[in-house]
Amino acid sequence: MADSALHVHRYGDPAGDPVVLLHGVTGHGARWRRTAERYLADRSVLAPDLRGHGRSTHEPPWTVERHVADVLALMDAEGVERADLVGHSYGGMIAVHLARSARRRVRRLVLLDPAIGLEPAKAAEEARGYLAPVSFGDVAEARAHRAARWPKSPDEAVDEEVAVHLEHGADGRLRWRFEPAAVVTAYSEMARPHLPPPADVPTHLVIAAEADLVRPEFVVDLRAALGPGLVISEIEAGHMLYLDRFEETGSLLSSWLDGAGAAR
């Protein structure tokens, strides 16, 4: 088996059909725990921490191509020949590029409010915000910071984020467990011109209606490229839709993977 540079969170039934869940920038694989345990319990779920995030290696490069290679190496290490891919935000962009570069490894694709082809000025603004990463004197301060950024997320999601995603720095202060340089690089990558998945990959695009992140021209090009192979849904939620609207997002994901998104 090949080695993998990624730390992976495993959920569900190891004998079930495989699904790989890819988190967004600054995130980690354990954010998928509740969704996986409740809505994907019959599947073999792999939820890696992407390079530069969580407990995976933080070494560069942090390009989309490197992330794709990391996920493919993880699949090889786990003996997964073909899987469904679910990507949130930047994870959606990585999932699309993986499908384009290794079509035979992907059965179906779910893009949860994907961050693809962002307007460059907006991407630059977001990137600059991570040049001076925030730190906290104690857990209560970190929790208040996360709760303010996730105002619609349940307390359980905020508490779990604080429990698993904080680490002490050399100065004794607490920081979220990601490499700021990897995040800055990710925003640069998200400003690349968008590309659609292969035409023969069944794809479900789920738009967070309150986030205004998915650009209309990306949707137009998806429709043109995929035709009847594309399903589009909207959920009245902010960008963290699978935390904020846990039941609705999880039910949609489970039902489409189980039936409507029949593999070709």
C-alpha atoms as a PDB file:
ATOM      1  CA  MET A   1       0.000   0.000   0.000  1.00  0.00           C
ATOM      2  CA  ALA A   2       1.035   3.591  -0.606  1.00  0.00           C
ATOM      3  CA  ASP A   3       1.771   5.929   2.281  1.00  0.00           C
ATOM      4  CA  SER A   4      -0.493   8.882   2.996  1.00  0.00           C
ATOM      5  CA  ALA A   5       0.537  12.286   4.323  1.00  0.00           C
ATOM      6  CA  LEU A   6      -2.968  12.901   5.639  1.00  0.00           C
ATOM      7  CA  HIS A   7      -4.471  12.236   9.043  1.00  0.00           C
ATOM      8  CA  VAL A   8      -7.888  10.665   8.454  1.00  0.00           C
ATOM      9  CA  HIS A   9     -11.046  10.469  10.549  1.00  0.00           C
ATOM     10  CA  ARG A  10     -13.000   7.263   9.900  1.00  0.00           C
ATOM     11  CA  TYR A  11     -16.716   6.849  10.448  1.00  0.00           C
ATOM     12  CA  GLY A  12     -19.494   4.466   9.517  1.00  0.00           C
ATOM     13  CA  ASP A  13     -19.240   0.842   8.393  1.00  0.00           C
ATOM     14  CA  PRO A  14     -15.779  -0.189   7.118  1.00  0.00           C
ATOM     15  CA  ALA A  15     -17.510  -2.713   4.841  1.00  0.00           C
ATOM     16  CA  GLY A  16     -19.819  -0.105   3.303  1.00  0.00           C
ATOM     17  CA  ASP A  17     -19.469   1.743   0.018  1.00  0.00           C
ATOM     18  CA  PRO A  18     -16.669   4.314   0.371  1.00  0.00           C
ATOM     19  CA  VAL A  19     -17.230   8.062   0.510  1.00  0.00           C
ATOM     20  CA  VAL A  20     -14.526  10.700   0.966  1.00  0.00           C
ATOM     21  CA  LEU A  21     -15.491  13.971   2.682  1.00  0.00           C
ATOM     22  CA  LEU A  22     -13.288  17.020   2.054  1.00  0.00           C
ATOM     23  CA  HIS A  23     -13.479  20.017   4.391  1.00  0.00           C
ATOM     24  CA  GLY A  24     -12.944  23.660   3.520  1.00  0.00           C
ATOM     25  CA  VAL A  25     -10.084  26.039   4.231  1.00  0.00           C
ATOM     26  CA  THR A  26      -9.098  26.373   7.934  1.00  0.00           C
ATOM     27  CA  GLY A  27     -11.169  23.268   8.696  1.00  0.00           C
ATOM     28  CA  HIS A  28     -10.514  19.616   9.533  1.00  0.00           C
ATOM     29  CA  GLY A  29     -12.057  16.232   8.862  1.00  0.00           C
ATOM     30  CA  ALA A  30     -13.752  15.866  12.250  1.00  0.00           C
ATOM     31  CA  ARG A  31     -16.205  18.616  11.307  1.00  0.00           C
ATOM     32  CA  TRP A  32     -18.025  15.881   9.384  1.00  0.00           C
ATOM     33  CA  ARG A  33     -18.528  13.630  12.427  1.00  0.00           C
ATOM     34  CA  ARG A  34     -22.193  14.303  13.127  1.00  0.00           C
ATOM     35  CA  THR A  35     -23.136  14.130   9.433  1.00  0.00           C
ATOM     36  CA  ALA A  36     -21.224  10.886   8.948  1.00  0.00           C
ATOM     37  CA  GLU A  37     -22.509   9.161  12.065  1.00  0.00           C
ATOM     38  CA  ARG A  38     -26.152  10.047  11.509  1.00  0.00           C
ATOM     39  CA  TYR A  39     -26.568  10.113   7.732  1.00  0.00           C
ATOM     40  CA  LEU A  40     -23.738   7.963   6.347  1.00  0.00           C
ATOM     41  CA  ALA A  41     -23.593   5.233   8.998  1.00  0.00           C
ATOM     42  CA  ASP A  42     -23.876   2.446   6.413  1.00  0.00           C
ATOM     43  CA  ARG A  43     -20.893   3.746   4.424  1.00  0.00           C
ATOM     44  CA  SER A  44     -17.152   3.608   4.878  1.00  0.00           C
ATOM     45  CA  VAL A  45     -16.426   7.284   5.484  1.00  0.00           C
ATOM     46  CA  LEU A  46     -12.961   8.806   5.157  1.00  0.00           C
ATOM     47  CA  ALA A  47     -12.686  12.437   6.264  1.00  0.00           C
ATOM     48  CA  PRO A  48      -9.057  13.587   6.007  1.00  0.00           C
ATOM     49  CA  ASP A  49      -7.449  16.690   7.412  1.00  0.00           C
ATOM     50  CA  LEU A  50      -6.113  18.366   4.284  1.00  0.00           C
ATOM     51  CA  ARG A  51      -2.427  19.271   4.017  1.00  0.00           C
ATOM     52  CA  GLY A  52      -1.713  22.337   6.137  1.00  0.00           C
ATOM     53  CA  HIS A  53      -4.721  21.590   8.353  1.00  0.00           C
ATOM     54  CA  GLY A  54      -5.450  19.662  11.514  1.00  0.00           C
ATOM     55  CA  ARG A  55      -3.116  16.795  12.303  1.00  0.00           C
ATOM     56  CA  SER A  56      -1.897  16.236   8.745  1.00  0.00           C
ATOM     57  CA  THR A  57       1.510  17.406   7.575  1.00  0.00           C
ATOM     58  CA  HIS A  58       1.741  21.180   7.262  1.00  0.00           C
ATOM     59  CA  GLU A  59       4.576  21.060   4.742  1.00  0.00           C
ATOM     60  CA  PRO A  60       4.165  22.794   1.355  1.00  0.00           C
ATOM     61  CA  PRO A  61       3.291  22.824  -1.452  1.00  0.00           C
ATOM     62  CA  TRP A  62      -0.354  23.655  -0.772  1.00  0.00           C
ATOM     63  CA  THR A  63      -1.600  23.750  -4.358  1.00  0.00           C
ATOM     64  CA  VAL A  64      -4.786  22.116  -5.588  1.00  0.00           C
ATOM     65  CA  GLU A  65      -2.675  19.565  -7.455  1.00  0.00           C
ATOM     66  CA  ARG A  66      -0.851  18.622  -4.241  1.00  0.00           C
ATOM     67  CA  HIS A  67      -4.155  18.253  -2.373  1.00  0.00           C
ATOM     68  CA  VAL A  68      -5.493  16.034  -5.179  1.00  0.00           C
ATOM     69  CA  ALA A  69      -2.367  13.867  -5.032  1.00  0.00           C
ATOM     70  CA  ASP A  70      -2.699  13.624  -1.239  1.00  0.00           C
ATOM     71  CA  VAL A  71      -6.320  12.444  -1.431  1.00  0.00           C
ATOM     72  CA  LEU A  72      -5.496   9.903  -4.140  1.00  0.00           C
ATOM     73  CA  ALA A  73      -2.600   8.615  -2.012  1.00  0.00           C
ATOM     74  CA  LEU A  74      -4.997   8.293   0.921  1.00  0.00           C
ATOM     75  CA  MET A  75      -7.434   6.295  -1.211  1.00  0.00           C
ATOM     76  CA  ASP A  76      -4.567   4.053  -2.315  1.00  0.00           C
ATOM     77  CA  ALA A  77      -3.430   3.567   1.286  1.00  0.00           C
ATOM     78  CA  GLU A  78      -6.963   2.652   2.335  1.00  0.00           C
ATOM     79  CA  GLY A  79      -7.451   0.263  -0.583  1.00  0.00           C
ATOM     80  CA  VAL A  80     -10.246   2.394  -2.072  1.00  0.00           C
ATOM     81  CA  GLU A  81     -10.339   2.029  -5.840  1.00  0.00           C
ATOM     82  CA  ARG A  82     -13.417   4.213  -6.402  1.00  0.00           C
ATOM     83  CA  ALA A  83     -15.426   6.454  -4.101  1.00  0.00           C
ATOM     84  CA  ASP A  84     -18.111   9.079  -3.925  1.00  0.00           C
ATOM     85  CA  LEU A  85     -16.602  12.506  -3.202  1.00  0.00           C
ATOM     86  CA  VAL A  86     -18.217  15.221  -1.100  1.00  0.00           C
ATOM     87  CA  GLY A  87     -16.445  18.578  -0.944  1.00  0.00           C
ATOM     88  CA  HIS A  88     -17.368  21.681   1.033  1.00  0.00           C
ATOM     89  CA  SER A  89     -16.014  25.093  -0.020  1.00  0.00           C
ATOM     90  CA  TYR A  90     -12.331  24.658  -0.976  1.00  0.00           C
ATOM     91  CA  GLY A  91     -12.859  20.924  -0.594  1.00  0.00           C
ATOM     92  CA  GLY A  92     -15.337  21.211  -3.461  1.00  0.00           C
ATOM     93  CA  MET A  93     -12.680  22.714  -5.706  1.00  0.00           C
ATOM     94  CA  ILE A  94     -10.274  19.907  -4.789  1.00  0.00           C
ATOM     95  CA  ALA A  95     -12.975  17.317  -5.500  1.00  0.00           C
ATOM     96  CA  VAL A  96     -13.637  18.763  -8.963  1.00  0.00           C
ATOM     97  CA  HIS A  97      -9.948  18.723  -9.858  1.00  0.00           C
ATOM     98  CA  LEU A  98      -9.579  15.175  -8.553  1.00  0.00           C
ATOM     99  CA  ALA A  99     -12.470  14.042 -10.749  1.00  0.00           C
ATOM    100  CA  ARG A 100     -10.896  15.751 -13.735  1.00  0.00           C
ATOM    101  CA  SER A 101      -7.461  14.207 -13.182  1.00  0.00           C
ATOM    102  CA  ALA A 102      -8.526  10.722 -12.046  1.00  0.00           C
ATOM    103  CA  ARG A 103     -11.995  10.144 -13.504  1.00  0.00           C
ATOM    104  CA  ARG A 104     -12.038   6.392 -12.868  1.00  0.00           C
ATOM    105  CA  ARG A 105     -11.586   6.929  -9.108  1.00  0.00           C
ATOM    106  CA  VAL A 106     -14.826   8.929  -8.728  1.00  0.00           C
ATOM    107  CA  ARG A 107     -18.359   7.530  -8.772  1.00  0.00           C
ATOM    108  CA  ARG A 108     -20.359  10.639  -7.899  1.00  0.00           C
ATOM    109  CA  LEU A 109     -19.661  14.170  -6.754  1.00  0.00           C
ATOM    110  CA  VAL A 110     -21.424  16.401  -4.221  1.00  0.00           C
ATOM    111  CA  LEU A 111     -20.332  20.039  -4.083  1.00  0.00           C
ATOM    112  CA  LEU A 112     -21.516  21.804  -0.926  1.00  0.00           C
ATOM    113  CA  ASP A 113     -21.300  25.555  -1.551  1.00  0.00           C
ATOM    114  CA  PRO A 114     -18.011  25.121  -3.438  1.00  0.00           C
ATOM    115  CA  ALA A 115     -15.432  27.914  -3.459  1.00  0.00           C
ATOM    116  CA  ILE A 116     -14.442  27.788  -7.116  1.00  0.00           C
ATOM    117  CA  GLY A 117     -13.458  30.652  -9.398  1.00  0.00           C
ATOM    118  CA  LEU A 118     -13.752  33.311  -6.712  1.00  0.00           C
ATOM    119  CA  GLU A 119     -13.579  36.948  -7.725  1.00  0.00           C
ATOM    120  CA  PRO A 120      -9.847  37.748  -7.373  1.00  0.00           C
ATOM    121  CA  ALA A 121     -10.232  40.928  -5.323  1.00  0.00           C
ATOM    122  CA  LYS A 122     -12.470  39.103  -2.835  1.00  0.00           C
ATOM    123  CA  ALA A 123     -10.056  36.174  -2.623  1.00  0.00           C
ATOM    124  CA  ALA A 124      -7.172  38.579  -1.988  1.00  0.00           C
ATOM    125  CA  GLU A 125      -9.106  40.346   0.757  1.00  0.00           C
ATOM    126  CA  GLU A 126      -9.864  37.038   2.482  1.00  0.00           C
ATOM    127  CA  ALA A 127      -6.251  35.866   2.134  1.00  0.00           C
ATOM    128  CA  ARG A 128      -4.846  39.024   3.713  1.00  0.00           C
ATOM    129  CA  GLY A 129      -7.017  38.405   6.747  1.00  0.00           C
ATOM    130  CA  TYR A 130      -4.905  35.347   7.567  1.00  0.00           C
ATOM    131  CA  LEU A 131      -1.509  37.032   7.374  1.00  0.00           C
ATOM    132  CA  ALA A 132      -1.777  37.810  11.092  1.00  0.00           C
ATOM    133  CA  PRO A 133      -3.495  34.760  12.624  1.00  0.00           C
ATOM    134  CA  VAL A 134      -5.585  35.254  15.734  1.00  0.00           C
ATOM    135  CA  SER A 135      -4.621  33.703  19.048  1.00  0.00           C
ATOM    136  CA  PHE A 136      -6.404  33.318  22.355  1.00  0.00           C
ATOM    137  CA  GLY A 137      -5.486  33.497  26.004  1.00  0.00           C
ATOM    138  CA  ASP A 138      -7.858  30.722  27.028  1.00  0.00           C
ATOM    139  CA  VAL A 139     -10.508  28.307  25.758  1.00  0.00           C
ATOM    140  CA  ALA A 140     -13.400  30.621  26.662  1.00  0.00           C
ATOM    141  CA  GLU A 141     -11.965  33.368  24.460  1.00  0.00           C
ATOM    142  CA  ALA A 142     -11.524  30.906  21.580  1.00  0.00           C
ATOM    143  CA  ARG A 143     -15.076  29.635  21.977  1.00  0.00           C
ATOM    144  CA  ALA A 144     -16.499  33.148  21.906  1.00  0.00           C
ATOM    145  CA  HIS A 145     -14.543  33.863  18.720  1.00  0.00           C
ATOM    146  CA  ARG A 146     -15.863  30.716  17.015  1.00  0.00           C
ATOM    147  CA  ALA A 147     -19.438  31.282  18.167  1.00  0.00           C
ATOM    148  CA  ALA A 148     -19.360  34.814  16.751  1.00  0.00           C
ATOM    149  CA  ARG A 149     -18.224  33.470  13.368  1.00  0.00           C
ATOM    150  CA  TRP A 150     -20.760  30.613  13.417  1.00  0.00           C
ATOM    151  CA  PRO A 151     -23.852  32.391  14.770  1.00  0.00           C
ATOM    152  CA  LYS A 152     -26.274  29.790  13.368  1.00  0.00           C
ATOM    153  CA  SER A 153     -24.322  26.681  14.294  1.00  0.00           C
ATOM    154  CA  PRO A 154     -25.525  24.578  17.241  1.00  0.00           C
ATOM    155  CA  ASP A 155     -23.623  24.689  20.503  1.00  0.00           C
ATOM    156  CA  GLU A 156     -22.491  21.101  19.970  1.00  0.00           C
ATOM    157  CA  ALA A 157     -20.670  22.034  16.762  1.00  0.00           C
ATOM    158  CA  VAL A 158     -18.958  25.014  18.398  1.00  0.00           C
ATOM    159  CA  ASP A 159     -17.956  22.974  21.458  1.00  0.00           C
ATOM    160  CA  GLU A 160     -16.509  20.198  19.301  1.00  0.00           C
ATOM    161  CA  GLU A 161     -14.530  22.678  17.215  1.00  0.00           C
ATOM    162  CA  VAL A 162     -12.975  24.090  20.364  1.00  0.00           C
ATOM    163  CA  ALA A 163     -12.242  20.613  21.734  1.00  0.00           C
ATOM    164  CA  VAL A 164     -10.486  19.199  18.670  1.00  0.00           C
ATOM    165  CA  HIS A 165      -9.143  22.126  16.640  1.00  0.00           C
ATOM    166  CA  LEU A 166      -7.166  24.216  19.141  1.00  0.00           C
ATOM    167  CA  GLU A 167      -3.483  23.826  19.939  1.00  0.00           C
ATOM    168  CA  HIS A 168      -0.972  25.645  22.129  1.00  0.00           C
ATOM    169  CA  GLY A 169       1.786  27.570  20.389  1.00  0.00           C
ATOM    170  CA  ALA A 170       5.342  28.003  21.635  1.00  0.00           C
ATOM    171  CA  ASP A 171       4.207  31.242  23.288  1.00  0.00           C
ATOM    172  CA  GLY A 172       1.571  29.379  25.293  1.00  0.00           C
ATOM    173  CA  ARG A 173      -1.358  30.947  23.460  1.00  0.00           C
ATOM    174  CA  LEU A 174      -4.089  28.956  21.724  1.00  0.00           C
ATOM    175  CA  ARG A 175      -4.534  28.952  17.961  1.00  0.00           C
ATOM    176  CA  TRP A 176      -6.652  27.023  15.498  1.00  0.00           C
ATOM    177  CA  ARG A 177      -4.832  23.998  14.128  1.00  0.00           C
ATOM    178  CA  PHE A 178      -3.918  25.140  10.618  1.00  0.00           C
ATOM    179  CA  GLU A 179      -0.957  26.665   8.803  1.00  0.00           C
ATOM    180  CA  PRO A 180      -1.773  30.307   7.917  1.00  0.00           C
ATOM    181  CA  ALA A 181       0.453  30.202   4.823  1.00  0.00           C
ATOM    182  CA  ALA A 182      -1.550  27.225   3.532  1.00  0.00           C
ATOM    183  CA  VAL A 183      -4.749  29.216   3.961  1.00  0.00           C
ATOM    184  CA  VAL A 184      -3.353  32.223   2.085  1.00  0.00           C
ATOM    185  CA  THR A 185      -2.283  29.873  -0.712  1.00  0.00           C
ATOM    186  CA  ALA A 186      -5.736  28.277  -0.778  1.00  0.00           C
ATOM    187  CA  TYR A 187      -7.426  31.616  -1.423  1.00  0.00           C
ATOM    188  CA  SER A 188      -5.060  32.196  -4.324  1.00  0.00           C
ATOM    189  CA  GLU A 189      -6.005  28.766  -5.693  1.00  0.00           C
ATOM    190  CA  MET A 190      -9.723  29.512  -5.313  1.00  0.00           C
ATOM    191  CA  ALA A 191      -9.272  32.556  -7.563  1.00  0.00           C
ATOM    192  CA  ARG A 192      -8.267  30.350 -10.498  1.00  0.00           C
ATOM    193  CA  PRO A 193     -10.754  30.296 -13.392  1.00  0.00           C
ATOM    194  CA  HIS A 194     -13.398  27.694 -12.635  1.00  0.00           C
ATOM    195  CA  LEU A 195     -13.512  24.326 -14.375  1.00  0.00           C
ATOM    196  CA  PRO A 196     -16.412  21.851 -14.428  1.00  0.00           C
ATOM    197  CA  PRO A 197     -16.181  18.167 -13.490  1.00  0.00           C
ATOM    198  CA  PRO A 198     -16.068  15.589 -16.289  1.00  0.00           C
ATOM    199  CA  ALA A 199     -19.342  15.367 -18.200  1.00  0.00           C
ATOM    200  CA  ASP A 200     -19.945  11.758 -17.148  1.00  0.00           C
ATOM    201  CA  VAL A 201     -19.606  12.276 -13.379  1.00  0.00           C
ATOM    202  CA  PRO A 202     -23.068  12.598 -11.757  1.00  0.00           C
ATOM    203  CA  THR A 203     -22.836  15.822  -9.762  1.00  0.00           C
ATOM    204  CA  HIS A 204     -25.054  17.454  -7.150  1.00  0.00           C
ATOM    205  CA  LEU A 205     -24.388  21.141  -6.539  1.00  0.00           C
ATOM    206  CA  VAL A 206     -25.793  22.378  -3.225  1.00  0.00           C
ATOM    207  CA  ILE A 207     -25.865  26.155  -2.896  1.00  0.00           C
ATOM    208  CA  ALA A 208     -26.022  27.916   0.483  1.00  0.00           C
ATOM    209  CA  ALA A 209     -28.521  30.614  -0.421  1.00  0.00           C
ATOM    210  CA  GLU A 210     -27.439  33.030   2.311  1.00  0.00           C
ATOM    211  CA  ALA A 211     -23.725  32.854   1.480  1.00  0.00           C
ATOM    212  CA  ASP A 212     -23.687  34.288  -2.067  1.00  0.00           C
ATOM    213  CA  LEU A 213     -20.465  32.396  -2.781  1.00  0.00           C
ATOM    214  CA  VAL A 214     -21.251  30.228  -5.820  1.00  0.00           C
ATOM    215  CA  ARG A 215     -20.878  32.460  -8.864  1.00  0.00           C
ATOM    216  CA  PRO A 216     -23.641  32.406 -11.514  1.00  0.00           C
ATOM    217  CA  GLU A 217     -21.192  31.863 -14.365  1.00  0.00           C
ATOM    218  CA  PHE A 218     -19.964  28.677 -12.669  1.00  0.00           C
ATOM    219  CA  VAL A 219     -23.543  27.384 -12.511  1.00  0.00           C
ATOM    220  CA  VAL A 220     -24.079  28.226 -16.186  1.00  0.00           C
ATOM    221  CA  ASP A 221     -20.953  26.345 -17.197  1.00  0.00           C
ATOM    222  CA  LEU A 222     -21.886  23.363 -15.004  1.00  0.00           C
ATOM    223  CA  ARG A 223     -25.279  23.121 -16.713  1.00  0.00           C
ATOM    224  CA  ALA A 224     -23.657  23.275 -20.138  1.00  0.00           C
ATOM    225  CA  ALA A 225     -20.984  20.688 -19.308  1.00  0.00           C
ATOM    226  CA  LEU A 226     -23.084  18.175 -17.366  1.00  0.00           C
ATOM    227  CA  GLY A 227     -26.608  18.507 -18.752  1.00  0.00           C
ATOM    228  CA  PRO A 228     -28.892  15.888 -17.162  1.00  0.00           C
ATOM    229  CA  GLY A 229     -25.972  14.654 -15.048  1.00  0.00           C
ATOM    230  CA  LEU A 230     -26.293  17.749 -12.856  1.00  0.00           C
ATOM    231  CA  VAL A 231     -28.667  18.242  -9.926  1.00  0.00           C
ATOM    232  CA  ILE A 232     -28.853  21.642  -8.206  1.00  0.00           C
ATOM    233  CA  SER A 233     -30.349  22.284  -4.773  1.00  0.00           C
ATOM    234  CA  GLU A 234     -30.482  25.338  -2.552  1.00  0.00           C
ATOM    235  CA  ILE A 235     -30.528  25.369   1.240  1.00  0.00           C
ATOM    236  CA  GLU A 236     -31.444  28.495   3.190  1.00  0.00           C
ATOM    237  CA  ALA A 237     -28.228  28.626   5.159  1.00  0.00           C
ATOM    238  CA  GLY A 238     -24.897  30.363   5.416  1.00  0.00           C
ATOM    239  CA  HIS A 239     -21.676  28.910   4.061  1.00  0.00           C
ATOM    240  CA  MET A 240     -21.308  26.351   6.890  1.00  0.00           C
ATOM    241  CA  LEU A 241     -24.530  24.704   5.751  1.00  0.00           C
ATOM    242  CA  TYR A 242     -23.706  21.174   6.924  1.00  0.00           C
ATOM    243  CA  LEU A 243     -23.289  22.509  10.466  1.00  0.00           C
ATOM    244  CA  ASP A 244     -25.958  25.230  10.418  1.00  0.00           C
ATOM    245  CA  ARG A 245     -28.648  23.130   8.681  1.00  0.00           C
ATOM    246  CA  PHE A 246     -27.412  19.743   9.810  1.00  0.00           C
ATOM    247  CA  GLU A 247     -30.599  17.735   9.253  1.00  0.00           C
ATOM    248  CA  GLU A 248     -31.486  19.213   5.871  1.00  0.00           C
ATOM    249  CA  THR A 249     -27.978  18.934   4.464  1.00  0.00           C
ATOM    250  CA  GLY A 250     -27.423  15.437   5.849  1.00  0.00           C
ATOM    251  CA  SER A 251     -30.745  14.131   4.550  1.00  0.00           C
ATOM    252  CA  LEU A 252     -30.094  15.582   1.104  1.00  0.00           C
ATOM    253  CA  LEU A 253     -26.626  14.053   1.012  1.00  0.00           C
ATOM    254  CA  SER A 254     -27.790  10.631   2.143  1.00  0.00           C
ATOM    255  CA  SER A 255     -30.807  10.406  -0.155  1.00  0.00           C
ATOM    256  CA  TRP A 256     -28.950  11.517  -3.259  1.00  0.00           C
ATOM    257  CA  LEU A 257     -26.034   9.178  -2.725  1.00  0.00           C
ATOM    258  CA  ASP A 258     -28.402   6.291  -1.970  1.00  0.00           C
ATOM    259  CA  GLY A 259     -30.721   6.726  -4.912  1.00  0.00           C
ATOM    260  CA  ALA A 260     -31.042   9.745  -7.135  1.00  0.00           C
ATOM    261  CA  GLY A 261     -27.335   9.972  -7.842  1.00  0.00           C
ATOM    262  CA  ALA A 262     -27.054   6.551  -9.426  1.00  0.00           C
ATOM    263  CA  ALA A 263     -23.516   5.907 -10.598  1.00  0.00           C
ATOM    264  CA  ARG A 264     -22.818   5.616 -14.294  1.00  0.00           C
END
